[in-house]
Amino acid sequence: MKATTTSQQNQSLIDGIRCFQELTTSDRPLGTKELSERLGLNMIKVNRLLRTLKAIGMAEQNPQKKYRPGPVVHVLAAQSFHSSALFRAATHVAIRHPYGDRTLAIGILWKDAVVYMYHALAGQNPAEGLGGYHLYHASQSSIGTALLAEMDDDELEQCVAGWSPEVRAGLSGTIAEIRRQGYASQRDAAGRVNNIAATFSVGGAKAGIAFTDMVIGEGEVERRVAELRTLIGEIESYA
């Protein structure tokens, strides 16, 4: 019999984590059939995974027998905050900088998606911006493209290998521009900048920070980039 190597992946564990992640990022409880379709897994396997997650408190069922995150999610949230220097530093600085004219967002790249740890709308109480966890495809996010630009070419190619040809077509130009500028930017239909993002690192973990939901002229871009750099300096100093 062939010996099992330590480098082999445990697919059941991977599928269980994917299942739990899908529950935590959903805005509503999910049934077994819908979850299996989202994950591309057999319903029998998904049912087994959900029962296992429920048994250890990572999932629970509502009266309609659909699944949602269980009580363990609160424990994991507290433990994650304690163990993540990136999360502590970024959120500590972010909540001290409320903005009335723009959204402040901080996110990380997970595979080819961006998940926001902080996302406070203009005029919103900064505390409400904590845990802005929704996933967005990296190509649709200035933070996502800024973080992609930080990758070397081989790593970038591996990350975008499964993207559609249409999405990949314009990526190389975007990445080249970000690398040249040192930050990412997006424009509205009139060509006005409405989104800028830059990257930073805490303890070796990379993240992106952005000002969004604004309309600024070319003369204001460098000033806003400088403001982002100041926030990055505060975050990295706090850590």
Protein backbone atom coordinates (compact mmCIF):
# COMPACT_ATOMS: atom_id res chain seq x y z
CA MET A 1 0.00 0.00 0.00
CA LYS A 2 1.32 3.45 -0.90
CA ALA A 3 2.25 5.55 2.11
CA THR A 4 0.30 8.74 2.74
CA THR A 5 2.48 11.82 2.48
CA THR A 6 2.10 14.89 4.64
CA SER A 7 1.78 17.02 1.51
CA GLN A 8 -1.52 15.42 0.48
CA GLN A 9 -4.56 17.61 0.97
CA ASN A 10 -7.52 16.52 3.08
CA GLN A 11 -10.37 17.25 0.67
CA SER A 12 -13.08 16.60 3.24
CA LEU A 13 -11.54 19.22 5.52
CA ILE A 14 -11.30 21.67 2.63
CA ASP A 15 -14.95 21.08 1.70
CA GLY A 16 -16.01 21.49 5.34
CA ILE A 17 -14.25 24.85 5.57
CA ARG A 18 -15.82 25.94 2.27
CA CYS A 19 -19.21 24.92 3.59
CA PHE A 20 -18.73 26.89 6.80
CA GLN A 21 -17.45 29.90 4.88
CA GLU A 22 -20.51 29.87 2.62
CA LEU A 23 -22.77 29.90 5.68
CA THR A 24 -20.91 32.80 7.27
CA THR A 25 -20.98 34.96 4.14
CA SER A 26 -24.64 34.32 3.30
CA ASP A 27 -27.25 36.94 4.19
CA ARG A 28 -29.78 34.21 5.00
CA PRO A 29 -29.94 30.58 6.12
CA LEU A 30 -29.24 28.02 3.41
CA GLY A 31 -30.79 24.65 2.63
CA THR A 32 -28.74 21.61 1.69
CA LYS A 33 -29.74 21.73 -1.97
CA GLU A 34 -28.85 25.40 -2.44
CA LEU A 35 -25.57 24.96 -0.61
CA SER A 36 -24.60 21.96 -2.71
CA GLU A 37 -25.30 23.97 -5.87
CA ARG A 38 -23.20 26.90 -4.64
CA LEU A 39 -20.27 24.65 -3.77
CA GLY A 40 -20.63 22.24 -6.69
CA LEU A 41 -20.75 19.28 -4.30
CA ASN A 42 -23.01 16.24 -4.02
CA MET A 43 -26.03 16.82 -1.76
CA ILE A 44 -25.26 13.71 0.29
CA LYS A 45 -21.76 14.99 1.01
CA VAL A 46 -23.00 18.47 1.86
CA ASN A 47 -25.62 17.01 4.20
CA ARG A 48 -22.90 15.03 5.98
CA LEU A 49 -20.68 18.10 6.27
CA LEU A 50 -23.53 20.22 7.64
CA ARG A 51 -24.40 17.60 10.24
CA THR A 52 -20.76 17.50 11.31
CA LEU A 53 -20.57 21.31 11.54
CA LYS A 54 -23.77 21.30 13.56
CA ALA A 55 -22.42 18.66 15.94
CA ILE A 56 -19.42 20.86 16.84
CA GLY A 57 -21.40 24.10 17.07
CA MET A 58 -20.20 25.64 13.82
CA ALA A 59 -23.67 25.46 12.28
CA GLU A 60 -27.25 25.35 13.50
CA GLN A 61 -30.69 24.96 11.94
CA ASN A 62 -33.59 27.39 12.03
CA PRO A 63 -37.23 26.25 12.38
CA GLN A 64 -37.37 25.72 8.61
CA LYS A 65 -34.42 23.28 8.89
CA LYS A 66 -32.10 25.58 6.95
CA TYR A 67 -28.57 26.14 8.14
CA ARG A 68 -26.85 29.23 9.50
CA PRO A 69 -23.61 29.80 11.45
CA GLY A 70 -23.64 28.27 14.92
CA PRO A 71 -22.48 29.71 18.27
CA VAL A 72 -18.85 28.77 17.63
CA VAL A 73 -18.66 31.56 15.04
CA HIS A 74 -18.62 34.08 17.89
CA VAL A 75 -15.73 32.28 19.57
CA LEU A 76 -13.80 32.16 16.31
CA ALA A 77 -14.44 35.87 15.71
CA ALA A 78 -13.00 36.78 19.11
CA GLN A 79 -10.03 34.46 18.69
CA SER A 80 -9.33 35.77 15.18
CA PHE A 81 -9.31 39.36 16.40
CA HIS A 82 -6.89 38.39 19.16
CA SER A 83 -4.52 36.51 16.84
CA SER A 84 -4.56 38.90 13.86
CA ALA A 85 -2.21 41.86 14.28
CA LEU A 86 -3.41 43.06 10.87
CA PHE A 87 -7.05 43.15 11.89
CA ARG A 88 -6.34 44.85 15.23
CA ALA A 89 -4.11 47.54 13.74
CA ALA A 90 -6.28 48.26 10.71
CA THR A 91 -9.56 48.54 12.60
CA HIS A 92 -8.00 50.52 15.46
CA VAL A 93 -6.88 53.20 13.01
CA ALA A 94 -9.98 53.05 10.78
CA ILE A 95 -12.52 53.75 13.53
CA ARG A 96 -10.57 56.89 14.48
CA HIS A 97 -11.05 58.37 11.01
CA PRO A 98 -14.72 58.95 10.16
CA TYR A 99 -15.41 60.58 6.79
CA GLY A 100 -18.47 62.51 5.71
CA ASP A 101 -17.63 62.61 2.02
CA ARG A 102 -16.33 59.14 1.16
CA THR A 103 -16.30 55.46 2.12
CA LEU A 104 -13.24 54.03 3.86
CA ALA A 105 -12.66 50.34 3.09
CA ILE A 106 -9.99 47.86 4.18
CA GLY A 107 -9.85 44.37 2.70
CA ILE A 108 -7.76 41.30 2.08
CA LEU A 109 -7.48 38.98 -0.91
CA TRP A 110 -8.82 35.46 -0.50
CA LYS A 111 -8.02 33.42 -3.62
CA ASP A 112 -9.58 35.65 -6.30
CA ALA A 113 -12.01 37.51 -4.05
CA VAL A 114 -11.73 40.46 -1.70
CA VAL A 115 -13.26 40.27 1.76
CA TYR A 116 -13.67 43.54 3.63
CA MET A 117 -12.76 43.64 7.31
CA TYR A 118 -13.83 47.28 7.44
CA HIS A 119 -16.27 49.19 5.23
CA ALA A 120 -17.71 52.46 6.59
CA LEU A 121 -19.95 54.53 4.32
CA ALA A 122 -19.78 58.32 4.25
CA GLY A 123 -21.31 59.69 7.43
CA GLN A 124 -21.70 56.24 8.96
CA ASN A 125 -20.71 55.58 12.56
CA PRO A 126 -17.21 54.07 12.23
CA ALA A 127 -18.14 51.19 14.54
CA GLU A 128 -20.73 50.11 11.97
CA GLY A 129 -17.96 49.63 9.44
CA LEU A 130 -16.40 46.75 11.37
CA GLY A 131 -16.73 43.32 9.81
CA GLY A 132 -17.80 44.45 6.35
CA TYR A 133 -17.27 40.86 5.32
CA HIS A 134 -18.98 40.57 1.94
CA LEU A 135 -16.95 38.98 -0.84
CA TYR A 136 -16.29 40.77 -4.12
CA HIS A 137 -14.47 39.46 -7.15
CA ALA A 138 -10.98 40.94 -7.20
CA SER A 139 -11.48 42.34 -10.71
CA GLN A 140 -14.38 44.48 -9.44
CA SER A 141 -12.48 46.01 -6.54
CA SER A 142 -9.72 48.61 -6.50
CA ILE A 143 -8.34 46.87 -3.42
CA GLY A 144 -8.44 43.59 -5.31
CA THR A 145 -6.54 44.88 -8.34
CA ALA A 146 -4.03 46.68 -6.10
CA LEU A 147 -3.31 43.43 -4.28
CA LEU A 148 -3.10 41.49 -7.54
CA ALA A 149 -0.49 43.98 -8.74
CA GLU A 150 1.65 43.06 -5.72
CA MET A 151 1.96 39.46 -6.98
CA ASP A 152 4.76 38.29 -9.23
CA ASP A 153 3.69 37.31 -12.74
CA ASP A 154 3.59 33.55 -12.07
CA GLU A 155 1.49 33.94 -8.93
CA LEU A 156 -0.83 36.36 -10.72
CA GLU A 157 -1.30 33.97 -13.65
CA GLN A 158 -2.19 31.14 -11.28
CA CYS A 159 -4.72 33.34 -9.45
CA VAL A 160 -6.57 34.45 -12.60
CA ALA A 161 -6.31 31.17 -14.53
CA GLY A 162 -10.00 30.39 -14.11
CA TRP A 163 -11.29 33.86 -15.00
CA SER A 164 -13.26 34.44 -18.17
CA PRO A 165 -11.33 35.72 -21.22
CA GLU A 166 -13.35 38.95 -21.09
CA VAL A 167 -12.29 39.71 -17.51
CA ARG A 168 -8.69 38.74 -18.12
CA ALA A 169 -8.46 40.83 -21.31
CA GLY A 170 -8.24 44.20 -19.60
CA LEU A 171 -6.34 43.05 -16.54
CA SER A 172 -2.77 43.32 -17.85
CA GLY A 173 -3.18 47.02 -18.65
CA THR A 174 -4.75 47.68 -15.26
CA ILE A 175 -1.96 45.85 -13.42
CA ALA A 176 0.74 47.69 -15.38
CA GLU A 177 -0.85 51.06 -14.54
CA ILE A 178 -1.09 50.20 -10.83
CA ARG A 179 2.54 49.12 -10.71
CA ARG A 180 3.57 52.34 -12.43
CA GLN A 181 1.45 54.64 -10.24
CA GLY A 182 1.94 52.80 -6.96
CA TYR A 183 -1.83 52.78 -6.34
CA ALA A 184 -5.07 51.66 -8.01
CA SER A 185 -7.80 53.98 -9.23
CA GLN A 186 -11.19 53.67 -10.87
CA ARG A 187 -13.20 56.19 -12.87
CA ASP A 188 -16.86 56.82 -13.53
CA ALA A 189 -18.47 57.07 -16.97
CA ALA A 190 -17.42 60.72 -17.22
CA GLY A 191 -13.80 59.83 -16.55
CA ARG A 192 -13.72 61.25 -13.02
CA VAL A 193 -11.84 59.35 -10.32
CA ASN A 194 -14.21 57.81 -7.79
CA ASN A 195 -12.07 55.15 -6.15
CA ILE A 196 -8.41 54.92 -5.12
CA ALA A 197 -6.62 52.13 -3.26
CA ALA A 198 -3.15 51.26 -1.99
CA THR A 199 -1.68 48.25 -0.20
CA PHE A 200 0.10 47.73 3.10
CA SER A 201 1.53 44.90 5.16
CA VAL A 202 1.39 43.98 8.84
CA GLY A 203 3.40 41.03 10.10
CA GLY A 204 3.83 39.75 6.56
CA ALA A 205 0.08 39.79 5.86
CA LYS A 206 -0.97 42.04 2.97
CA ALA A 207 -4.14 44.11 2.82
CA GLY A 208 -5.56 47.00 0.83
CA ILE A 209 -7.12 50.29 1.88
CA ALA A 210 -9.34 52.47 -0.28
CA PHE A 211 -11.38 55.64 -0.48
CA THR A 212 -14.52 54.99 -2.53
CA ASP A 213 -17.90 56.56 -3.34
CA MET A 214 -16.43 59.95 -4.16
CA VAL A 215 -15.90 62.11 -7.23
CA ILE A 216 -12.62 64.03 -7.45
CA GLY A 217 -10.72 65.89 -10.13
CA GLU A 218 -7.22 65.03 -11.31
CA GLY A 219 -5.76 67.73 -9.09
CA GLU A 220 -7.14 66.07 -5.98
CA VAL A 221 -5.91 62.53 -6.65
CA GLU A 222 -2.41 62.94 -5.24
CA ARG A 223 -3.79 64.57 -2.09
CA ARG A 224 -6.15 61.65 -1.48
CA VAL A 225 -3.35 59.17 -2.19
CA ALA A 226 -1.22 61.00 0.39
CA GLU A 227 -4.09 60.68 2.89
CA LEU A 228 -4.19 56.93 2.24
CA ARG A 229 -0.43 56.75 2.79
CA THR A 230 -0.86 58.56 6.12
CA LEU A 231 -3.46 56.00 7.23
CA ILE A 232 -1.15 53.19 6.14
CA GLY A 233 1.67 54.73 8.19
CA GLU A 234 -0.59 54.83 11.26
CA ILE A 235 -1.64 51.22 10.78
CA GLU A 236 1.88 49.92 10.33
CA SER A 237 3.13 52.00 13.27
CA TYR A 238 0.36 50.71 15.54
CA ALA A 239 1.23 47.13 14.71
